[in-house]
Amino acid sequence: MLSLKRNSKGEFVPASGIRSRASSLYDPTSEKIFNISRSKFSDFLTCPRCFYLDRVKGLASPSTPGWTLNETTDLLLKKEFDECRETQTPHRSFQKAGLTNVIPFAHEEIEKWRDSLHAGLKYEIPGTNISLSGGVDDIWQDIKSEQLIVVDYKSQANNNPVTPEDYLNGTYHQGYKVQMDFYAFLLTKMGFDVSPIAYFYVCNADRSAPGFGGKMYFEETLVPYQWDSSWIEKRVFEMLEILNSDKMPESNLACENCAYSRQRAIMEKTSE
């Protein structure tokens, strides 16, 4: 997909390919806290070289359009759960899933925790100028154990019914597990007691309907996931080593961005 740079008015402007904001670049000598979001941590896991070029060298990746339908599903679900949060009553989906002691967690900073762009769950790594953050979709609470439950909303359109085994084993869902592990890691570091079971709230669009008719129907399924954050700390310190290194890290051999960059450089050189 080719992307064209536009300003806030929608007008085409020259694309520099370089990040213009100094706050987007990591400076190991700065006293200011530099934030690494959950998505940037995932970039590091995916391809260390692309991550380094982005956060250290300021190379701006081409932009991608927003997922407005998915975002709308998330927004509407948050409205539902916020009503239950205000009244401290279980959501309609809890009884079917056997969550008899669960209600949406009421906390004064819940809106900040869900704001991935400006806040999110946040943890500053001791002895560094790095913080980690992640905007969680929702947090529930088991009122019996008082443990917090991490929740992530997911929207999809699949002809097959959603089952926990198939969903969690899906090739393109492995990154979802990383999300959950990361959110649980942050909450734990923030001092909260976190339930070992998190949930994906999966909304699967019905593609077998006879027509559109101005409506789209979804089957809702709660997929339990036993998160594991034991691997995160090690990878975080590997990430810190890369951020503070003057050496360009190796790329992931499967990285299509790196492959495109290499092949383009070769083709442009041979065309001179």
Protein backbone atom coordinates (compact mmCIF):
# COMPACT_ATOMS: atom_id res chain seq x y z
CA MET A 1 0.00 0.00 0.00
CA LEU A 2 1.36 3.42 -0.99
CA SER A 3 0.85 6.32 1.41
CA LEU A 4 0.85 10.07 0.70
CA LYS A 5 1.64 12.69 3.35
CA ARG A 6 -1.13 15.16 4.16
CA ASN A 7 -1.44 18.04 6.61
CA SER A 8 -4.33 18.62 9.04
CA LYS A 9 -6.37 20.18 6.21
CA GLY A 10 -6.00 17.08 4.05
CA GLU A 11 -3.62 18.82 1.64
CA PHE A 12 -0.63 16.98 0.19
CA VAL A 13 2.71 18.06 1.69
CA PRO A 14 6.29 16.90 1.08
CA ALA A 15 7.11 13.70 2.97
CA SER A 16 10.53 13.88 4.66
CA GLY A 17 10.63 10.31 5.93
CA ILE A 18 12.16 11.64 9.17
CA ARG A 19 10.43 12.32 12.47
CA SER A 20 10.34 16.03 13.22
CA ARG A 21 9.55 15.93 16.94
CA ALA A 22 12.59 15.64 19.21
CA SER A 23 10.43 13.83 21.77
CA SER A 24 10.10 10.94 19.31
CA LEU A 25 13.86 10.26 19.41
CA TYR A 26 15.61 8.49 22.25
CA ASP A 27 18.46 10.40 23.88
CA PRO A 28 20.39 8.34 26.46
CA THR A 29 21.82 11.51 28.04
CA SER A 30 18.46 13.20 28.57
CA GLU A 31 16.94 13.49 32.04
CA LYS A 32 13.47 13.47 30.54
CA ILE A 33 11.57 10.20 30.64
CA PHE A 34 11.31 8.59 27.20
CA ASN A 35 8.22 6.46 26.76
CA ILE A 36 8.06 3.15 24.93
CA SER A 37 4.48 2.17 24.17
CA ARG A 38 3.18 -1.36 23.93
CA SER A 39 3.08 -1.07 20.13
CA LYS A 40 6.72 0.10 19.97
CA PHE A 41 7.77 -2.76 22.25
CA SER A 42 5.98 -5.09 19.80
CA ASP A 43 7.95 -3.42 16.98
CA PHE A 44 11.16 -4.29 18.84
CA LEU A 45 10.06 -7.91 19.15
CA THR A 46 9.12 -8.01 15.46
CA CYS A 47 12.28 -6.42 14.03
CA PRO A 48 15.04 -4.86 16.19
CA ARG A 49 16.48 -2.96 13.21
CA CYS A 50 13.21 -1.27 12.28
CA PHE A 51 12.67 -0.40 15.94
CA TYR A 52 16.19 1.11 16.20
CA LEU A 53 15.80 3.14 13.00
CA ASP A 54 12.50 4.49 14.30
CA ARG A 55 13.25 5.30 17.95
CA VAL A 56 16.98 6.16 17.71
CA LYS A 57 17.50 7.42 14.14
CA GLY A 58 14.05 8.93 13.63
CA LEU A 59 13.10 7.09 10.44
CA ALA A 60 9.35 7.52 10.01
CA SER A 61 7.45 4.53 8.68
CA PRO A 62 4.69 5.14 6.09
CA SER A 63 1.35 5.84 7.75
CA THR A 64 -1.57 3.45 7.63
CA PRO A 65 -5.33 4.18 7.73
CA GLY A 66 -7.21 3.72 10.99
CA TRP A 67 -9.42 0.71 11.67
CA THR A 68 -12.59 2.74 12.15
CA LEU A 69 -15.03 -0.20 12.33
CA ASN A 70 -12.95 -1.93 15.00
CA GLU A 71 -12.57 1.36 16.87
CA THR A 72 -16.34 1.85 16.78
CA THR A 73 -16.93 -1.61 18.26
CA ASP A 74 -14.46 -0.79 21.03
CA LEU A 75 -16.14 2.55 21.70
CA LEU A 76 -19.62 1.05 21.97
CA LEU A 77 -18.41 -1.75 24.24
CA LYS A 78 -16.73 0.79 26.51
CA LYS A 79 -20.02 2.67 26.79
CA GLU A 80 -21.77 -0.55 27.85
CA PHE A 81 -19.15 -1.46 30.42
CA ASP A 82 -18.99 2.09 31.76
CA GLU A 83 -22.71 1.93 32.56
CA CYS A 84 -22.06 -1.23 34.57
CA ARG A 85 -19.00 0.40 36.13
CA GLU A 86 -21.09 3.33 37.32
CA THR A 87 -23.74 1.10 38.88
CA GLN A 88 -21.20 -1.57 39.94
CA THR A 89 -23.28 -4.32 38.38
CA PRO A 90 -22.21 -7.30 36.22
CA HIS A 91 -22.28 -6.95 32.44
CA ARG A 92 -24.82 -9.00 30.48
CA SER A 93 -22.08 -11.33 29.20
CA PHE A 94 -20.75 -12.35 32.62
CA GLN A 95 -23.42 -14.84 33.66
CA LYS A 96 -23.14 -16.78 30.40
CA ALA A 97 -19.37 -17.05 30.94
CA GLY A 98 -19.73 -18.10 34.57
CA LEU A 99 -18.19 -14.88 35.93
CA THR A 100 -20.48 -14.67 38.94
CA ASN A 101 -18.23 -12.46 41.08
CA VAL A 102 -17.00 -10.04 38.40
CA ILE A 103 -17.84 -6.37 37.79
CA PRO A 104 -16.07 -3.65 35.76
CA PHE A 105 -13.31 -2.12 37.90
CA ALA A 106 -14.06 1.39 39.14
CA HIS A 107 -10.92 3.50 39.46
CA GLU A 108 -10.39 7.25 39.19
CA GLU A 109 -7.73 6.78 36.51
CA ILE A 110 -9.53 4.23 34.32
CA GLU A 111 -9.87 6.76 31.49
CA LYS A 112 -6.13 7.49 31.60
CA TRP A 113 -5.35 3.80 31.57
CA ARG A 114 -7.44 3.38 28.42
CA ASP A 115 -5.84 6.36 26.64
CA SER A 116 -3.04 4.75 24.63
CA LEU A 117 -1.97 8.01 22.94
CA HIS A 118 -1.50 10.26 25.98
CA ALA A 119 -1.35 8.08 29.07
CA GLY A 120 -2.15 4.38 29.52
CA LEU A 121 -0.87 2.02 32.17
CA LYS A 122 2.63 3.25 32.95
CA TYR A 123 5.79 1.90 34.60
CA GLU A 124 9.16 3.67 34.84
CA ILE A 125 12.11 1.29 34.69
CA PRO A 126 14.35 1.95 37.73
CA GLY A 127 17.82 3.33 36.93
CA THR A 128 16.85 4.37 33.41
CA ASN A 129 15.11 7.25 31.65
CA ILE A 130 12.65 4.81 30.07
CA SER A 131 9.00 4.23 30.86
CA LEU A 132 6.72 1.56 29.43
CA SER A 133 3.07 2.21 28.70
CA GLY A 134 0.02 0.55 27.21
CA GLY A 135 -3.58 1.61 26.70
CA VAL A 136 -5.76 -1.25 27.95
CA ASP A 137 -9.32 -1.69 26.62
CA ASP A 138 -10.84 -2.51 29.99
CA ILE A 139 -10.20 -3.86 33.48
CA TRP A 140 -12.65 -5.92 35.48
CA GLN A 141 -12.45 -7.04 39.08
CA ASP A 142 -13.27 -10.26 40.89
CA ILE A 143 -14.96 -8.83 43.99
CA LYS A 144 -14.34 -12.06 45.91
CA SER A 145 -10.57 -12.24 45.40
CA GLU A 146 -10.21 -8.48 44.66
CA GLN A 147 -7.91 -9.37 41.77
CA LEU A 148 -7.97 -7.26 38.60
CA ILE A 149 -8.77 -8.88 35.25
CA VAL A 150 -7.20 -7.59 32.03
CA VAL A 151 -9.60 -7.37 29.08
CA ASP A 152 -8.98 -6.72 25.41
CA TYR A 153 -11.77 -6.16 22.87
CA LYS A 154 -11.32 -7.80 19.47
CA SER A 155 -13.48 -7.52 16.35
CA GLN A 156 -13.34 -9.85 13.39
CA ALA A 157 -15.37 -11.45 10.61
CA ASN A 158 -14.83 -15.19 10.41
CA ASN A 159 -17.13 -17.90 9.06
CA ASN A 160 -16.04 -20.29 11.81
CA PRO A 161 -17.42 -19.99 15.35
CA VAL A 162 -15.00 -18.63 17.96
CA THR A 163 -13.54 -21.27 20.27
CA PRO A 164 -10.79 -20.57 22.84
CA GLU A 165 -8.42 -23.20 21.43
CA ASP A 166 -8.67 -22.10 17.80
CA TYR A 167 -8.59 -18.41 18.70
CA LEU A 168 -5.49 -18.62 20.90
CA ASN A 169 -3.67 -20.89 18.44
CA GLY A 170 -4.33 -18.65 15.44
CA THR A 171 -1.13 -17.59 13.67
CA TYR A 172 -2.08 -13.93 13.59
CA HIS A 173 -3.33 -13.94 17.19
CA GLN A 174 0.04 -14.58 18.79
CA GLY A 175 0.62 -10.83 18.98
CA TYR A 176 -2.63 -10.54 20.94
CA LYS A 177 -1.09 -12.72 23.64
CA VAL A 178 1.91 -10.39 23.79
CA GLN A 179 -0.51 -7.51 24.36
CA MET A 180 -2.15 -9.28 27.29
CA ASP A 181 1.18 -10.31 28.82
CA PHE A 182 2.40 -6.73 28.54
CA TYR A 183 -0.71 -5.17 30.13
CA ALA A 184 -0.62 -7.67 33.00
CA PHE A 185 3.11 -6.94 33.46
CA LEU A 186 2.43 -3.20 33.73
CA LEU A 187 -0.46 -3.62 36.18
CA THR A 188 1.66 -5.90 38.34
CA LYS A 189 4.54 -3.41 38.34
CA MET A 190 2.05 -0.70 39.33
CA GLY A 191 1.33 -2.69 42.49
CA PHE A 192 -1.98 -4.34 41.60
CA ASP A 193 -2.94 -7.95 42.25
CA VAL A 194 -3.78 -9.31 38.80
CA SER A 195 -5.85 -12.39 38.09
CA PRO A 196 -3.90 -15.10 36.23
CA ILE A 197 -6.75 -15.28 33.70
CA ALA A 198 -7.33 -12.44 31.24
CA TYR A 199 -10.11 -12.28 28.64
CA PHE A 200 -10.42 -11.47 24.96
CA TYR A 201 -13.92 -10.12 24.31
CA VAL A 202 -14.28 -11.29 20.71
CA CYS A 203 -17.01 -9.84 18.48
CA ASN A 204 -17.35 -12.01 15.38
CA ALA A 205 -19.43 -10.53 12.57
CA ASP A 206 -22.06 -12.79 11.04
CA ARG A 207 -21.18 -13.20 7.37
CA SER A 208 -23.98 -15.70 6.71
CA ALA A 209 -26.76 -13.11 7.01
CA PRO A 210 -29.00 -12.93 3.92
CA GLY A 211 -28.21 -9.24 3.44
CA PHE A 212 -26.90 -6.09 5.01
CA GLY A 213 -30.11 -4.11 5.60
CA GLY A 214 -28.23 -1.36 7.39
CA LYS A 215 -27.22 -3.70 10.23
CA MET A 216 -24.37 -6.00 11.09
CA TYR A 217 -24.77 -8.73 13.70
CA PHE A 218 -22.01 -10.01 15.95
CA GLU A 219 -21.59 -13.14 18.02
CA GLU A 220 -19.85 -12.27 21.30
CA THR A 221 -17.46 -14.73 22.92
CA LEU A 222 -15.26 -14.42 26.00
CA VAL A 223 -11.96 -16.21 25.40
CA PRO A 224 -9.99 -16.84 28.61
CA TYR A 225 -6.22 -16.53 28.40
CA GLN A 226 -3.68 -17.46 31.07
CA TRP A 227 -1.16 -14.68 30.66
CA ASP A 228 2.57 -15.10 31.21
CA SER A 229 4.78 -12.05 31.74
CA SER A 230 7.86 -13.98 32.90
CA TRP A 231 9.60 -13.41 29.56
CA ILE A 232 9.04 -9.64 29.34
CA GLU A 233 11.71 -8.30 31.70
CA LYS A 234 14.49 -10.09 29.82
CA ARG A 235 13.32 -8.73 26.49
CA VAL A 236 12.93 -5.23 27.94
CA PHE A 237 16.60 -5.19 28.94
CA GLU A 238 17.57 -6.47 25.49
CA MET A 239 15.60 -3.55 24.09
CA LEU A 240 17.44 -1.14 26.40
CA GLU A 241 20.80 -2.46 25.16
CA ILE A 242 19.75 -1.77 21.58
CA LEU A 243 18.49 1.74 22.42
CA ASN A 244 21.82 2.60 24.05
CA SER A 245 23.99 1.03 21.35
CA ASP A 246 25.80 2.83 18.53
CA LYS A 247 25.62 -0.33 16.44
CA MET A 248 22.75 -1.05 14.10
CA PRO A 249 21.06 -4.31 15.17
CA GLU A 250 20.39 -7.18 12.80
CA SER A 251 17.02 -7.27 11.10
CA ASN A 252 14.49 -10.04 11.30
CA LEU A 253 14.98 -12.16 8.17
CA ALA A 254 11.20 -12.29 7.79
CA CYS A 255 10.80 -8.50 7.97
CA GLU A 256 9.15 -7.30 4.76
CA ASN A 257 10.05 -3.66 5.47
CA CYS A 258 13.74 -4.51 5.57
CA ALA A 259 13.46 -6.73 2.50
CA TYR A 260 11.72 -3.94 0.56
CA SER A 261 14.42 -1.46 1.61
CA ARG A 262 17.24 -3.77 0.51
CA GLN A 263 15.69 -4.64 -2.84
CA ARG A 264 14.79 -1.03 -3.61
CA ALA A 265 18.39 0.08 -2.91
CA ILE A 266 19.68 -2.67 -5.23
CA MET A 267 17.26 -1.79 -8.04
CA GLU A 268 17.96 1.95 -7.81
CA LYS A 269 21.71 1.32 -7.90
CA THR A 270 21.52 -0.94 -10.94
CA SER A 271 19.33 1.62 -12.73
CA GLU A 272 21.87 4.45 -12.43
